[in-house]
Amino acid sequence: MGEQPIYTTRAHVFQIDPTTKKNWVPASKQAVTVSYFYDSTRNSYRIISVDGSKVIINSTITPNMTFTKTSQKFGQWADSRANTVFGLGFASEQQLSKFAEKFQEVKEAAKLARDKSQEKVETLSNHSQESGRDTPSTNQASSINGTDDEKISHVGPEDVQLQTENEQLKSAVELSNTNAKKWETELQTLRENNARLVDALQESSSNVESWKKQLGVCKAESDTLREKIAELESECNEVEQDKKKNAQLSVRVRELEAELHDKEQELENLRKQAEIIPQLMAECESITTKLQTAETKNKDLEGRLGVLQLDLDDSRQKQGNMKGELKRFMEALEGKIDELQEVRQGLSKLGVDN
């Protein structure tokens, strides 16, 4: 099956500063995936986290490890093999509690796996000791019986099986001795790293109070900064209003400049017209004299018009008289015409009778 994830969460990853062993250095810019992996072939557990293509956590869990909650949303554990301390910042206290519970479960499972492996080693070592006790008698028998060829010829199938098992046990014992040396070395390294990590944990515990004080100072500074930000925002609003007013004033200034330009144009036109005023005054005087002459002529014409009006009245009266006489003449003429008509009719009758 290989290595499979058994639990996954998201958190901000930190590592202890290797120089000071006090300050935390962020290993990720944002919250990343942190997973527990189980390797069925090796019967081991690991915590792995990858940020993009970079592996920021690769920690094999051992029974000696301890996960410590340092705050409501922050926890840490020491890895002696990686020679560092990992810290995780979670979004909620529930996520931290679940991660801590899973750490304890995995730790217990790793302890059981270690105990089983130790039992296997002890069993192999017991078998090797028993085989070691049996081998001298067989060697003595083989030395007594003769050469190797003679041994092979005189050994039965059960002895051959015992020899093969003996060889297997010898190889297992050698392997267990080699592994025991490695484990002793690793155990010594783990003890040394554990001592260093205990010191680092004590230092981190002693620094918790100072961190709390710094956190209080940071909170106070944050409140002050928030107040300043609020003031700046209000000032920015006032500045925005001033900008709007300035924009309106700029528009009004442009309008006034346009009006001023128009007024200047009008003034220039008036200046040009003022230059023509003397000519206009001279023309006005000449027109005034002409007007006076025209008025005198008008008076003369009015006098003549009165005379003509009298003449017109006389001519109208005469015309009326002439109309009356003409009417009387027409009436007389019509009488004469009627008489001539009667004469014609009489003459026409006479002609018909003739």
Protein backbone atom coordinates (compact mmCIF):
# COMPACT_ATOMS: atom_id res chain seq x y z
CA MET A 1 0.00 0.00 0.00
CA GLY A 2 2.89 2.43 0.72
CA GLU A 3 2.42 5.73 2.54
CA GLN A 4 -1.15 7.05 2.87
CA PRO A 5 -2.58 10.23 4.50
CA ILE A 6 -4.74 9.57 7.57
CA TYR A 7 -5.54 13.13 8.71
CA THR A 8 -5.29 16.55 7.03
CA THR A 9 -5.77 20.13 8.25
CA ARG A 10 -4.55 23.65 7.42
CA ALA A 11 -2.30 25.88 9.52
CA HIS A 12 0.47 28.48 9.41
CA VAL A 13 3.86 26.78 9.78
CA PHE A 14 6.75 28.20 11.88
CA GLN A 15 10.23 26.98 12.85
CA ILE A 16 12.36 28.04 15.78
CA ASP A 17 15.23 30.36 14.89
CA PRO A 18 18.35 28.11 14.79
CA THR A 19 20.62 30.91 16.05
CA THR A 20 18.61 32.34 18.96
CA LYS A 21 16.41 29.28 19.73
CA LYS A 22 13.81 31.81 20.92
CA ASN A 23 12.11 33.55 18.03
CA TRP A 24 9.76 31.91 15.54
CA VAL A 25 10.53 32.13 11.82
CA PRO A 26 7.52 31.71 9.46
CA ALA A 27 8.05 28.80 7.06
CA SER A 28 4.95 29.60 4.97
CA LYS A 29 3.49 32.91 3.84
CA GLN A 30 -0.07 31.64 4.30
CA ALA A 31 -2.00 28.71 5.72
CA VAL A 32 -0.89 25.43 4.08
CA THR A 33 -1.97 21.79 4.22
CA VAL A 34 -0.51 19.74 7.11
CA SER A 35 -1.09 15.96 6.97
CA TYR A 36 -0.40 12.82 9.01
CA PHE A 37 0.96 9.97 6.83
CA TYR A 38 1.20 6.25 7.73
CA ASP A 39 3.78 4.00 6.03
CA SER A 40 2.48 0.43 6.23
CA THR A 41 5.75 -1.11 4.96
CA ARG A 42 7.87 0.58 7.66
CA ASN A 43 5.05 0.83 10.21
CA SER A 44 5.94 4.50 10.79
CA TYR A 45 4.11 7.83 11.01
CA ARG A 46 5.14 11.21 9.62
CA ILE A 47 3.86 14.80 9.58
CA ILE A 48 4.34 16.29 6.11
CA SER A 49 3.55 19.77 4.76
CA VAL A 50 4.36 21.14 1.31
CA ASP A 51 4.19 24.79 0.24
CA GLY A 52 4.15 24.73 -3.56
CA SER A 53 7.18 22.61 -4.49
CA LYS A 54 8.97 23.17 -1.15
CA VAL A 55 8.77 20.64 1.70
CA ILE A 56 8.56 22.67 4.91
CA ILE A 57 7.70 19.80 7.34
CA ASN A 58 9.00 16.21 7.15
CA SER A 59 8.90 14.97 10.74
CA THR A 60 8.84 11.28 11.70
CA ILE A 61 6.85 10.81 14.92
CA THR A 62 8.57 8.90 17.73
CA PRO A 63 7.22 7.88 21.16
CA ASN A 64 9.51 10.44 22.82
CA MET A 65 7.90 13.41 21.06
CA THR A 66 5.43 15.71 22.80
CA PHE A 67 2.99 18.18 21.28
CA THR A 68 2.55 21.25 23.51
CA LYS A 69 -0.24 23.84 23.32
CA THR A 70 1.31 27.24 24.02
CA SER A 71 -1.86 29.26 23.37
CA GLN A 72 -5.46 28.78 22.29
CA LYS A 73 -4.52 28.53 18.60
CA PHE A 74 -0.81 27.67 18.63
CA GLY A 75 1.05 24.43 19.31
CA GLN A 76 4.59 23.10 18.90
CA TRP A 77 6.72 19.94 18.98
CA ALA A 78 10.45 19.21 18.82
CA ASP A 79 12.05 16.99 16.15
CA SER A 80 15.50 15.78 17.20
CA ARG A 81 16.29 14.30 13.80
CA ALA A 82 15.56 17.57 12.04
CA ASN A 83 17.23 19.43 14.95
CA THR A 84 14.44 22.01 15.09
CA VAL A 85 11.14 22.88 16.75
CA PHE A 86 8.02 23.15 14.58
CA GLY A 87 5.13 25.47 15.42
CA LEU A 88 1.62 25.53 13.96
CA GLY A 89 -0.85 28.40 14.11
CA PHE A 90 -4.48 27.33 13.59
CA ALA A 91 -7.58 29.32 12.68
CA SER A 92 -9.55 28.00 15.67
CA GLU A 93 -9.06 26.26 18.99
CA GLN A 94 -11.02 23.21 17.76
CA GLN A 95 -8.53 22.59 14.94
CA LEU A 96 -5.66 22.78 17.44
CA SER A 97 -7.39 20.30 19.77
CA LYS A 98 -8.05 17.83 16.93
CA PHE A 99 -4.43 18.04 15.78
CA ALA A 100 -3.16 17.49 19.34
CA GLU A 101 -5.47 14.47 19.83
CA LYS A 102 -4.28 12.97 16.54
CA PHE A 103 -0.65 13.58 17.56
CA GLN A 104 -1.25 11.63 20.79
CA GLU A 105 -2.92 8.75 18.88
CA VAL A 106 -0.07 8.55 16.37
CA LYS A 107 2.46 8.73 19.19
CA GLU A 108 0.83 5.76 20.95
CA ALA A 109 0.76 3.82 17.66
CA ALA A 110 4.45 4.54 17.11
CA LYS A 111 5.16 3.34 20.65
CA LEU A 112 3.31 0.07 20.00
CA ALA A 113 5.22 -0.41 16.75
CA ARG A 114 8.51 0.17 18.58
CA ASP A 115 7.57 -2.34 21.31
CA LYS A 116 6.69 -4.96 18.69
CA SER A 117 9.98 -4.44 16.89
CA GLN A 118 11.87 -4.80 20.20
CA GLU A 119 10.00 -8.05 20.93
CA LYS A 120 11.06 -9.38 17.52
CA VAL A 121 14.66 -8.43 18.19
CA GLU A 122 14.61 -10.13 21.60
CA THR A 123 13.11 -13.27 20.05
CA LEU A 124 15.80 -13.34 17.37
CA SER A 125 18.52 -12.79 19.95
CA ASN A 126 17.15 -15.68 22.08
CA HIS A 127 17.13 -17.97 19.04
CA SER A 128 20.69 -16.96 18.22
CA GLN A 129 21.83 -17.71 21.79
CA GLU A 130 20.22 -21.15 21.68
CA SER A 131 21.79 -21.86 18.29
CA GLY A 132 25.12 -20.69 19.72
CA ARG A 133 24.85 -23.26 22.50
CA ASP A 134 24.11 -26.04 20.03
CA THR A 135 26.84 -25.27 17.51
CA PRO A 136 29.83 -26.33 19.72
CA SER A 137 28.54 -29.90 20.07
CA THR A 138 27.99 -30.15 16.35
CA ASN A 139 31.43 -28.75 15.73
CA GLN A 140 32.90 -31.26 18.13
CA ALA A 141 30.99 -34.01 16.41
CA SER A 142 32.16 -32.84 13.05
CA SER A 143 35.77 -32.64 14.23
CA ILE A 144 35.55 -36.08 15.69
CA ASN A 145 33.85 -37.60 12.71
CA GLY A 146 36.43 -36.37 10.21
CA THR A 147 36.62 -34.08 7.16
CA ASP A 148 33.85 -31.97 5.66
CA ASP A 149 33.10 -34.50 2.98
CA GLU A 150 32.77 -37.16 5.65
CA LYS A 151 30.46 -34.83 7.60
CA ILE A 152 28.18 -34.38 4.63
CA SER A 153 28.08 -38.10 4.02
CA HIS A 154 27.25 -38.86 7.69
CA VAL A 155 24.79 -35.93 8.35
CA GLY A 156 21.07 -36.69 8.16
CA PRO A 157 18.28 -34.48 6.74
CA GLU A 158 17.33 -33.20 10.21
CA ASP A 159 20.91 -32.04 10.82
CA VAL A 160 20.94 -30.26 7.44
CA GLN A 161 17.74 -28.43 8.38
CA LEU A 162 19.22 -27.45 11.72
CA GLN A 163 22.33 -26.14 10.02
CA THR A 164 20.28 -24.02 7.61
CA GLU A 165 18.20 -22.66 10.49
CA ASN A 166 21.42 -22.02 12.37
CA GLU A 167 22.81 -20.03 9.46
CA GLN A 168 19.57 -18.03 9.22
CA LEU A 169 19.66 -17.33 12.94
CA LYS A 170 23.30 -16.26 12.73
CA SER A 171 22.46 -13.77 9.95
CA ALA A 172 19.45 -12.53 11.92
CA VAL A 173 21.62 -12.11 15.04
CA GLU A 174 24.24 -10.21 13.08
CA LEU A 175 21.51 -8.03 11.60
CA SER A 176 19.96 -7.49 15.05
CA ASN A 177 23.39 -6.61 16.50
CA THR A 178 23.94 -4.12 13.70
CA ASN A 179 20.46 -2.67 14.20
CA ALA A 180 21.02 -2.60 17.96
CA LYS A 181 24.17 -0.55 17.48
CA LYS A 182 22.30 1.80 15.14
CA TRP A 183 19.42 2.05 17.61
CA GLU A 184 21.82 2.70 20.46
CA THR A 185 23.42 5.48 18.41
CA GLU A 186 20.02 6.90 17.49
CA LEU A 187 18.86 6.56 21.09
CA GLN A 188 21.91 8.49 22.29
CA THR A 189 21.28 11.12 19.64
CA LEU A 190 17.62 11.28 20.62
CA ARG A 191 18.59 11.68 24.29
CA GLU A 192 20.95 14.51 23.46
CA ASN A 193 18.40 16.16 21.19
CA ASN A 194 15.72 15.61 23.79
CA ALA A 195 17.90 17.35 26.38
CA ARG A 196 18.45 20.25 24.00
CA LEU A 197 14.76 20.38 23.19
CA VAL A 198 13.87 20.33 26.89
CA ASP A 199 16.19 23.30 27.37
CA ALA A 200 14.62 25.01 24.36
CA LEU A 201 11.16 24.21 25.72
CA GLN A 202 12.08 25.65 29.10
CA GLU A 203 13.43 28.75 27.39
CA SER A 204 10.28 29.01 25.28
CA SER A 205 8.16 28.57 28.42
CA SER A 206 10.13 31.29 30.17
CA ASN A 207 9.71 33.48 27.11
CA VAL A 208 5.94 32.96 27.08
CA GLU A 209 5.46 35.67 29.69
CA SER A 210 7.62 38.09 27.77
CA TRP A 211 5.74 37.17 24.61
CA LYS A 212 2.47 37.82 26.43
CA LYS A 213 3.76 41.22 27.52
CA GLN A 214 4.91 41.94 23.98
CA LEU A 215 1.50 40.80 22.76
CA GLY A 216 -0.15 43.23 25.17
CA VAL A 217 2.11 46.02 23.94
CA CYS A 218 1.35 45.02 20.35
CA LYS A 219 -2.38 45.06 21.11
CA ALA A 220 -2.08 48.52 22.65
CA GLU A 221 -0.09 49.69 19.64
CA SER A 222 -2.68 48.06 17.38
CA ASP A 223 -5.49 49.96 19.15
CA THR A 224 -3.51 53.18 18.84
CA LEU A 225 -2.90 52.48 15.17
CA ARG A 226 -6.58 51.74 14.65
CA GLU A 227 -7.48 55.08 16.24
CA LYS A 228 -4.90 56.79 14.02
CA ILE A 229 -6.29 54.95 11.01
CA ALA A 230 -9.80 56.13 11.94
CA GLU A 231 -8.51 59.69 12.27
CA LEU A 232 -6.68 59.40 8.97
CA GLU A 233 -9.80 58.02 7.33
CA SER A 234 -11.82 60.98 8.63
CA GLU A 235 -9.08 63.31 7.40
CA CYS A 236 -9.11 61.50 4.08
CA ASN A 237 -12.88 62.03 3.90
CA GLU A 238 -12.35 65.72 4.60
CA VAL A 239 -9.61 65.79 1.98
CA GLU A 240 -11.99 64.12 -0.49
CA GLN A 241 -14.63 66.73 0.29
CA ASP A 242 -12.01 69.47 -0.14
CA LYS A 243 -11.02 67.89 -3.44
CA LYS A 244 -14.64 67.94 -4.57
CA LYS A 245 -14.94 71.57 -3.49
CA ASN A 246 -11.69 72.39 -5.26
CA ALA A 247 -12.99 70.66 -8.36
CA GLN A 248 -16.19 72.69 -8.18
CA LEU A 249 -14.18 75.86 -7.59
CA SER A 250 -11.93 74.97 -10.54
CA VAL A 251 -15.01 74.61 -12.74
CA ARG A 252 -16.35 77.93 -11.41
CA VAL A 253 -12.94 79.57 -12.02
CA ARG A 254 -12.95 78.29 -15.60
CA GLU A 255 -16.46 79.63 -16.07
CA LEU A 256 -15.42 83.01 -14.63
CA GLU A 257 -12.35 83.02 -16.86
CA ALA A 258 -14.59 82.38 -19.86
CA GLU A 259 -16.92 85.17 -18.74
CA LEU A 260 -13.92 87.45 -18.20
CA HIS A 261 -12.70 86.63 -21.68
CA ASP A 262 -16.14 87.51 -23.07
CA LYS A 263 -16.17 90.75 -21.08
CA GLU A 264 -12.70 91.62 -22.33
CA GLN A 265 -13.90 90.95 -25.87
CA GLU A 266 -16.89 93.22 -25.27
CA LEU A 267 -14.61 95.87 -23.78
CA GLU A 268 -12.36 95.64 -26.82
CA ASN A 269 -15.40 96.05 -29.06
CA LEU A 270 -16.51 99.04 -26.97
CA ARG A 271 -13.03 100.53 -27.30
CA LYS A 272 -13.22 100.12 -31.05
CA GLN A 273 -16.67 101.68 -31.00
CA ALA A 274 -15.36 104.53 -28.79
CA GLU A 275 -12.83 105.29 -31.48
CA ILE A 276 -15.73 105.71 -33.95
CA ILE A 277 -17.72 107.99 -31.59
CA PRO A 278 -16.15 111.29 -32.89
CA GLN A 279 -17.11 110.33 -36.41
CA LEU A 280 -20.56 109.40 -35.19
CA MET A 281 -20.84 112.77 -33.35
CA ALA A 282 -19.91 114.62 -36.53
CA GLU A 283 -22.40 112.59 -38.50
CA CYS A 284 -24.95 113.23 -35.76
CA GLU A 285 -24.42 116.99 -36.00
CA SER A 286 -24.74 116.90 -39.78
CA ILE A 287 -27.85 114.78 -39.41
CA THR A 288 -29.16 117.29 -36.82
CA THR A 289 -28.68 120.19 -39.25
CA LYS A 290 -30.31 118.15 -42.00
CA LEU A 291 -33.12 117.33 -39.62
CA GLN A 292 -33.62 121.01 -38.79
CA THR A 293 -33.65 121.83 -42.51
CA ALA A 294 -36.08 118.98 -43.05
CA GLU A 295 -38.27 120.31 -40.23
CA THR A 296 -38.38 123.79 -41.81
CA LYS A 297 -39.19 122.18 -45.14
CA ASN A 298 -41.78 120.09 -43.39
CA LYS A 299 -43.39 123.21 -41.97
CA ASP A 300 -43.45 124.75 -45.43
CA LEU A 301 -44.89 121.53 -46.77
CA GLU A 302 -47.46 121.53 -44.00
CA GLY A 303 -48.47 125.06 -45.01
CA ARG A 304 -48.66 124.01 -48.60
CA LEU A 305 -50.54 120.90 -47.53
CA GLY A 306 -53.13 123.12 -45.81
CA VAL A 307 -53.56 125.16 -48.94
CA LEU A 308 -53.80 122.01 -50.97
CA GLN A 309 -56.30 120.62 -48.49
CA LEU A 310 -58.48 123.71 -49.00
CA ASP A 311 -58.13 123.35 -52.71
CA LEU A 312 -59.00 119.70 -52.36
CA ASP A 313 -62.08 120.54 -50.38
CA ASP A 314 -63.13 123.06 -53.02
CA SER A 315 -62.46 120.58 -55.77
CA ARG A 316 -64.44 117.95 -53.87
CA GLN A 317 -67.34 120.38 -53.47
CA LYS A 318 -67.16 121.25 -57.11
CA GLN A 319 -66.94 117.57 -57.98
CA GLY A 320 -70.07 116.98 -55.88
CA ASN A 321 -71.85 119.72 -57.67
CA MET A 322 -70.71 118.33 -60.98
CA LYS A 323 -71.93 114.88 -59.93
CA GLY A 324 -75.35 116.35 -59.11
CA GLU A 325 -75.55 118.13 -62.40
CA LEU A 326 -74.27 115.02 -64.17
CA LYS A 327 -76.93 112.97 -62.40
CA ARG A 328 -79.60 115.37 -63.47
CA PHE A 329 -78.21 115.31 -66.97
CA MET A 330 -78.19 111.52 -66.94
CA GLU A 331 -81.74 111.42 -65.70
CA ALA A 332 -82.74 113.83 -68.50
CA LEU A 333 -80.78 111.80 -70.97
CA GLU A 334 -82.48 108.61 -69.81
CA GLY A 335 -85.85 110.35 -70.30
CA LYS A 336 -84.81 111.37 -73.75
CA ILE A 337 -83.65 107.84 -74.51
CA ASP A 338 -86.98 106.47 -73.31
CA GLU A 339 -88.72 108.89 -75.55
CA LEU A 340 -86.55 107.86 -78.49
CA GLN A 341 -87.34 104.27 -77.69
CA GLU A 342 -91.00 104.95 -77.83
CA VAL A 343 -90.49 106.79 -81.13
CA ARG A 344 -88.62 103.82 -82.55
CA GLN A 345 -91.35 101.47 -81.44
CA GLY A 346 -93.95 103.71 -83.08
CA LEU A 347 -91.92 103.88 -86.27
CA SER A 348 -91.50 100.11 -86.27
CA LYS A 349 -95.23 99.66 -85.89
CA LEU A 350 -95.84 102.04 -88.75
CA GLY A 351 -93.40 100.15 -90.93
CA VAL A 352 -95.17 96.86 -90.13
CA ASP A 353 -98.54 98.31 -90.98
CA ASN A 354 -97.20 99.68 -94.26
